[in-house]
Every structure is written in C-alpha cells, then in structure tokens.
N, C-alpha and C. Protein backbone atom coordinates (compact mmCIF):
# COMPACT_ATOMS: atom_id res chain seq x y z
N MET A 1 53.07 -20.73 -62.60
CA MET A 1 52.18 -22.09 -62.81
C MET A 1 53.49 -23.21 -64.62
N TRP A 2 54.78 -22.79 -64.92
CA TRP A 2 55.69 -23.78 -65.33
C TRP A 2 56.86 -23.84 -62.89
N PHE A 3 56.69 -23.71 -62.30
CA PHE A 3 57.20 -24.07 -60.86
C PHE A 3 56.16 -25.15 -60.29
N ILE A 4 54.78 -24.88 -60.40
CA ILE A 4 54.38 -26.39 -60.10
C ILE A 4 54.39 -27.36 -61.24
N PHE A 5 54.93 -27.09 -62.33
CA PHE A 5 55.25 -28.09 -62.95
C PHE A 5 55.91 -29.17 -62.99
N SER A 6 56.43 -28.48 -62.74
CA SER A 6 58.27 -28.34 -62.62
C SER A 6 58.05 -29.56 -60.81
N PHE A 7 57.48 -29.32 -60.15
CA PHE A 7 57.47 -30.03 -58.49
C PHE A 7 56.54 -30.93 -59.68
N LEU A 8 55.90 -31.10 -60.01
CA LEU A 8 55.14 -32.59 -59.87
C LEU A 8 56.08 -32.65 -61.20
N ILE A 9 57.11 -32.67 -61.73
CA ILE A 9 57.31 -33.98 -62.16
C ILE A 9 58.62 -34.20 -61.12
N VAL A 10 59.29 -33.81 -61.36
CA VAL A 10 60.32 -33.67 -60.37
C VAL A 10 60.08 -34.23 -59.21
N GLY A 11 58.56 -34.59 -58.87
CA GLY A 11 57.71 -35.24 -57.34
C GLY A 11 58.27 -36.97 -57.65
N PHE A 12 57.80 -36.59 -59.40
CA PHE A 12 56.54 -37.93 -59.79
C PHE A 12 58.89 -38.65 -59.88
N PHE A 13 59.21 -38.10 -60.34
CA PHE A 13 61.20 -38.93 -60.47
C PHE A 13 61.04 -39.60 -59.76
N ALA A 14 61.00 -39.16 -58.22
CA ALA A 14 62.02 -38.70 -57.28
C ALA A 14 61.28 -40.01 -56.68
N GLY A 15 59.56 -40.25 -56.64
CA GLY A 15 58.75 -41.37 -56.38
C GLY A 15 58.80 -42.06 -56.42
N LEU A 16 59.43 -42.17 -58.43
CA LEU A 16 59.50 -43.78 -58.46
C LEU A 16 60.94 -43.57 -58.67
N ILE A 17 61.70 -43.45 -58.31
CA ILE A 17 63.85 -43.72 -58.22
C ILE A 17 63.48 -44.05 -56.27
N ALA A 18 62.53 -43.57 -56.03
CA ALA A 18 61.83 -43.67 -54.50
C ALA A 18 62.04 -45.74 -54.64
N ARG A 19 60.13 -45.26 -54.56
CA ARG A 19 59.71 -46.76 -54.75
C ARG A 19 61.04 -48.56 -55.85
N ALA A 20 61.92 -47.39 -56.28
CA ALA A 20 62.54 -48.41 -56.89
C ALA A 20 63.98 -49.07 -56.09
N LEU A 21 63.96 -48.51 -55.13
CA LEU A 21 65.12 -47.82 -54.16
C LEU A 21 65.05 -49.22 -52.81
N VAL A 22 63.62 -49.18 -52.28
CA VAL A 22 62.94 -49.32 -51.55
C VAL A 22 62.56 -50.64 -51.62
N SER A 23 62.57 -51.76 -51.38
CA SER A 23 61.79 -52.90 -52.07
C SER A 23 60.59 -53.68 -51.02
N GLY A 24 59.78 -53.70 -51.74
CA GLY A 24 58.43 -54.82 -50.80
C GLY A 24 57.31 -53.37 -51.58
N PRO A 25 55.73 -53.50 -50.85
CA PRO A 25 54.37 -52.71 -51.47
C PRO A 25 55.17 -51.81 -51.12
N GLY A 26 54.86 -50.50 -51.98
CA GLY A 26 54.49 -49.06 -52.37
C GLY A 26 53.33 -48.56 -52.61
N PRO A 27 53.21 -47.00 -52.52
CA PRO A 27 52.31 -46.89 -53.08
C PRO A 27 52.22 -46.80 -54.06
N LYS A 28 51.54 -47.53 -55.34
CA LYS A 28 51.41 -47.48 -56.85
C LYS A 28 50.61 -46.91 -57.18
N GLY A 29 51.00 -45.59 -58.36
CA GLY A 29 49.62 -45.73 -58.77
C GLY A 29 50.50 -43.43 -59.12
N LEU A 30 49.40 -43.19 -60.70
CA LEU A 30 50.84 -41.70 -61.24
C LEU A 30 50.65 -40.48 -60.05
N ILE A 31 49.11 -40.73 -59.13
CA ILE A 31 49.21 -39.71 -57.68
C ILE A 31 49.93 -40.38 -56.38
N ARG A 32 49.59 -41.42 -56.10
CA ARG A 32 50.21 -41.39 -55.49
C ARG A 32 51.50 -41.87 -54.99
N THR A 33 52.17 -41.89 -56.45
CA THR A 33 54.30 -41.53 -57.33
C THR A 33 54.33 -40.74 -56.31
N THR A 34 53.71 -39.64 -57.71
CA THR A 34 53.80 -37.88 -57.18
C THR A 34 53.64 -37.32 -56.24
N ILE A 35 53.18 -38.01 -55.31
CA ILE A 35 52.43 -37.52 -53.67
C ILE A 35 53.53 -37.99 -52.77
N LEU A 36 54.30 -39.45 -52.93
CA LEU A 36 55.66 -39.87 -52.18
C LEU A 36 56.40 -38.81 -52.09
N GLY A 37 56.80 -38.17 -54.01
CA GLY A 37 58.14 -37.49 -54.45
C GLY A 37 58.11 -36.32 -53.89
N ILE A 38 56.88 -35.84 -53.34
CA ILE A 38 56.56 -34.42 -53.17
C ILE A 38 56.31 -33.97 -51.42
N LEU A 39 56.11 -34.66 -50.81
CA LEU A 39 56.17 -35.39 -49.72
C LEU A 39 57.63 -35.56 -49.01
N GLY A 40 58.84 -36.30 -50.20
CA GLY A 40 59.87 -36.49 -50.23
C GLY A 40 60.71 -35.03 -49.89
N SER A 41 60.29 -34.54 -51.14
CA SER A 41 61.17 -32.91 -51.01
C SER A 41 61.58 -32.28 -50.05
N PHE A 42 60.11 -32.22 -49.59
CA PHE A 42 59.86 -31.35 -48.21
C PHE A 42 60.63 -31.90 -47.28
N VAL A 43 60.02 -33.25 -47.03
CA VAL A 43 61.12 -34.56 -45.74
C VAL A 43 62.69 -34.08 -46.19
N GLY A 44 62.75 -34.08 -47.33
CA GLY A 44 64.35 -33.70 -47.89
C GLY A 44 64.92 -32.36 -47.67
N GLY A 45 64.42 -31.64 -47.82
CA GLY A 45 64.78 -30.24 -47.81
C GLY A 45 64.67 -30.25 -46.41
N PHE A 46 63.81 -30.55 -44.81
CA PHE A 46 63.89 -30.22 -43.96
C PHE A 46 65.44 -30.84 -43.52
N ILE A 47 65.50 -31.97 -43.94
CA ILE A 47 66.79 -32.49 -43.41
C ILE A 47 68.12 -31.79 -43.55
N GLY A 48 67.59 -31.35 -45.09
CA GLY A 48 69.05 -31.05 -45.11
C GLY A 48 69.11 -29.36 -45.04
N TYR A 49 67.83 -29.20 -43.51
CA TYR A 49 68.41 -27.26 -43.41
C TYR A 49 69.06 -27.77 -41.78
N LEU A 50 68.51 -28.88 -41.60
CA LEU A 50 68.97 -30.03 -40.37
C LEU A 50 70.31 -30.04 -40.37
N LEU A 51 71.33 -30.64 -41.73
CA LEU A 51 72.26 -30.83 -40.87
C LEU A 51 73.69 -29.69 -41.80
N LEU A 52 72.72 -29.14 -42.97
CA LEU A 52 73.66 -28.82 -43.35
C LEU A 52 74.05 -26.65 -42.72
N GLY A 53 72.55 -26.36 -42.58
CA GLY A 53 72.33 -24.80 -42.31
C GLY A 53 72.74 -24.35 -43.44
N LYS A 54 71.49 -24.58 -44.52
CA LYS A 54 71.70 -24.02 -45.81
C LYS A 54 70.40 -23.36 -46.19
N ASP A 55 70.44 -21.90 -46.54
CA ASP A 55 68.85 -21.22 -46.82
C ASP A 55 68.02 -20.62 -45.37
N VAL A 56 68.57 -20.87 -44.16
CA VAL A 56 68.19 -20.99 -43.01
C VAL A 56 66.68 -19.29 -42.95
N THR A 57 67.55 -18.41 -43.59
CA THR A 57 66.83 -17.35 -44.59
C THR A 57 64.81 -17.94 -44.22
N GLU A 58 65.02 -18.52 -44.95
CA GLU A 58 64.36 -19.43 -45.58
C GLU A 58 63.18 -20.70 -45.25
N GLY A 59 63.54 -20.75 -43.47
CA GLY A 59 63.29 -21.57 -42.83
C GLY A 59 63.10 -23.48 -43.47
N ALA A 60 62.80 -24.03 -42.17
CA ALA A 60 62.91 -25.11 -42.37
C ALA A 60 62.10 -26.78 -43.31
N PHE A 61 60.33 -25.59 -43.55
CA PHE A 61 59.45 -25.68 -44.37
C PHE A 61 60.16 -25.64 -45.88
N GLN A 62 61.24 -26.61 -47.25
CA GLN A 62 61.34 -25.57 -47.72
C GLN A 62 61.23 -26.83 -48.81
N SER A 63 61.61 -26.74 -50.05
CA SER A 63 61.40 -27.69 -50.87
C SER A 63 63.13 -28.55 -51.56
N ALA A 64 63.64 -29.69 -51.57
CA ALA A 64 64.82 -29.81 -51.85
C ALA A 64 65.20 -29.87 -54.06
N GLY A 65 65.81 -29.98 -53.91
CA GLY A 65 66.96 -30.87 -55.37
C GLY A 65 66.22 -32.83 -56.02
N LEU A 66 66.52 -32.32 -57.30
CA LEU A 66 65.75 -34.36 -56.92
C LEU A 66 66.89 -34.67 -55.50
N LEU A 67 68.46 -34.52 -55.37
CA LEU A 67 68.43 -35.34 -54.85
C LEU A 67 68.20 -35.46 -53.53
N GLY A 68 67.83 -35.04 -53.32
CA GLY A 68 67.50 -34.70 -51.63
C GLY A 68 65.60 -35.19 -51.42
N SER A 69 65.24 -34.72 -52.57
CA SER A 69 63.79 -35.34 -52.50
C SER A 69 63.96 -37.55 -52.82
N ILE A 70 64.11 -37.78 -52.70
CA ILE A 70 64.22 -39.26 -53.66
C ILE A 70 65.21 -39.46 -51.79
N ILE A 71 66.77 -38.92 -51.32
CA ILE A 71 66.24 -39.21 -49.97
C ILE A 71 65.07 -39.05 -49.35
N GLY A 72 65.00 -38.53 -49.29
CA GLY A 72 63.05 -37.49 -48.71
C GLY A 72 62.52 -38.79 -48.70
N ALA A 73 62.35 -38.93 -49.71
CA ALA A 73 61.22 -39.73 -50.14
C ALA A 73 61.27 -40.86 -49.86
N VAL A 74 62.57 -42.23 -49.85
CA VAL A 74 62.97 -43.28 -49.12
C VAL A 74 62.22 -42.85 -47.36
N VAL A 75 63.05 -42.13 -47.31
CA VAL A 75 62.28 -41.58 -45.10
C VAL A 75 61.34 -41.92 -45.53
N VAL A 76 60.59 -42.18 -45.99
CA VAL A 76 58.70 -41.58 -45.79
C VAL A 76 58.39 -42.95 -46.56
N LEU A 77 58.82 -43.28 -47.39
CA LEU A 77 58.21 -45.00 -47.46
C LEU A 77 59.06 -45.66 -46.16
N LEU A 78 60.48 -44.93 -45.85
CA LEU A 78 60.97 -46.05 -44.40
C LEU A 78 59.77 -45.91 -43.95
N ILE A 79 59.07 -44.66 -42.39
CA ILE A 79 58.38 -44.14 -41.77
C ILE A 79 57.22 -44.78 -41.94
N THR A 80 56.61 -45.21 -43.32
CA THR A 80 54.88 -46.07 -43.70
C THR A 80 55.09 -46.61 -43.62
N ARG A 81 55.94 -47.53 -43.62
CA ARG A 81 56.08 -49.01 -43.24
C ARG A 81 55.91 -49.47 -41.79
N ARG A 82 56.86 -48.80 -41.94
CA ARG A 82 56.87 -49.43 -39.41
C ARG A 82 55.25 -48.32 -39.23
N VAL A 83 54.34 -48.57 -39.35
CA VAL A 83 53.15 -47.46 -39.09
C VAL A 83 52.44 -48.50 -39.99
N PRO A 84 51.72 -48.55 -38.17
CA PRO A 84 50.81 -50.16 -37.80
C PRO A 84 49.46 -48.82 -39.61
N ARG A 85 49.12 -50.27 -39.88
CA ARG A 85 47.33 -49.50 -40.66
C ARG A 85 46.77 -49.77 -39.96
N ARG A 86 45.20 -49.27 -39.94
CA ARG A 86 44.80 -49.57 -39.14
C ARG A 86 43.13 -49.97 -40.48
N SER A 87 42.29 -51.48 -39.70
CA SER A 87 41.97 -52.21 -40.78
C SER A 87 40.80 -51.33 -40.80
N ALA A 88 39.41 -52.26 -41.81
CA ALA A 88 39.15 -51.08 -41.77
C ALA A 88 36.86 -52.39 -41.43
N SER A 89 37.98 -52.31 -41.01
CA SER A 89 36.19 -53.40 -40.38
C SER A 89 35.55 -53.11 -38.80
C-alpha cells in the first residue's frame, strides 16, 4: 500500500515540475498531472534502461526515480503536443 501511495506522490510532483518546465497548454488538474508523472516515470525508466543499461534483470518496463520521472514527463508532454488531436465534430 505504501508503494502505491509514494508512487502517486512522486508522479504528481514529477508531473507538476514537468508542467512548469514546459510552457504552453498541458494537462490541468490533480489526476491528469499525476497520470503525466506516472507515465513520465515509466518513460524515464525506459530511457535509463536504454542509455545506461542498468537494471537489465528488471526489464525495459520499469519505474524511475524523481529525476527520471521529470525527464520522462517532459518527453511525454513534448510528444503529446506534437500529436494532432481529432475534433469531436
């Protein structure tokens, strides 16, 4: 239970910092910011796995620390801004 709680807190702060670093429109609200940070954590873990080759036994799909989560969340934000959105018409 403590792991999930700390994962959500780190995800929220990583998403919050990433939103502050990348200007422009982004996910607003507590839930979207937390989801951004959690996705960033896995993207940061994947980037760390590719670049550093650390934790090879855990595989490519792993969580990262706070710094890796922030870097991953910035990458997720930049990617989502590049993807065109469909209109609901």
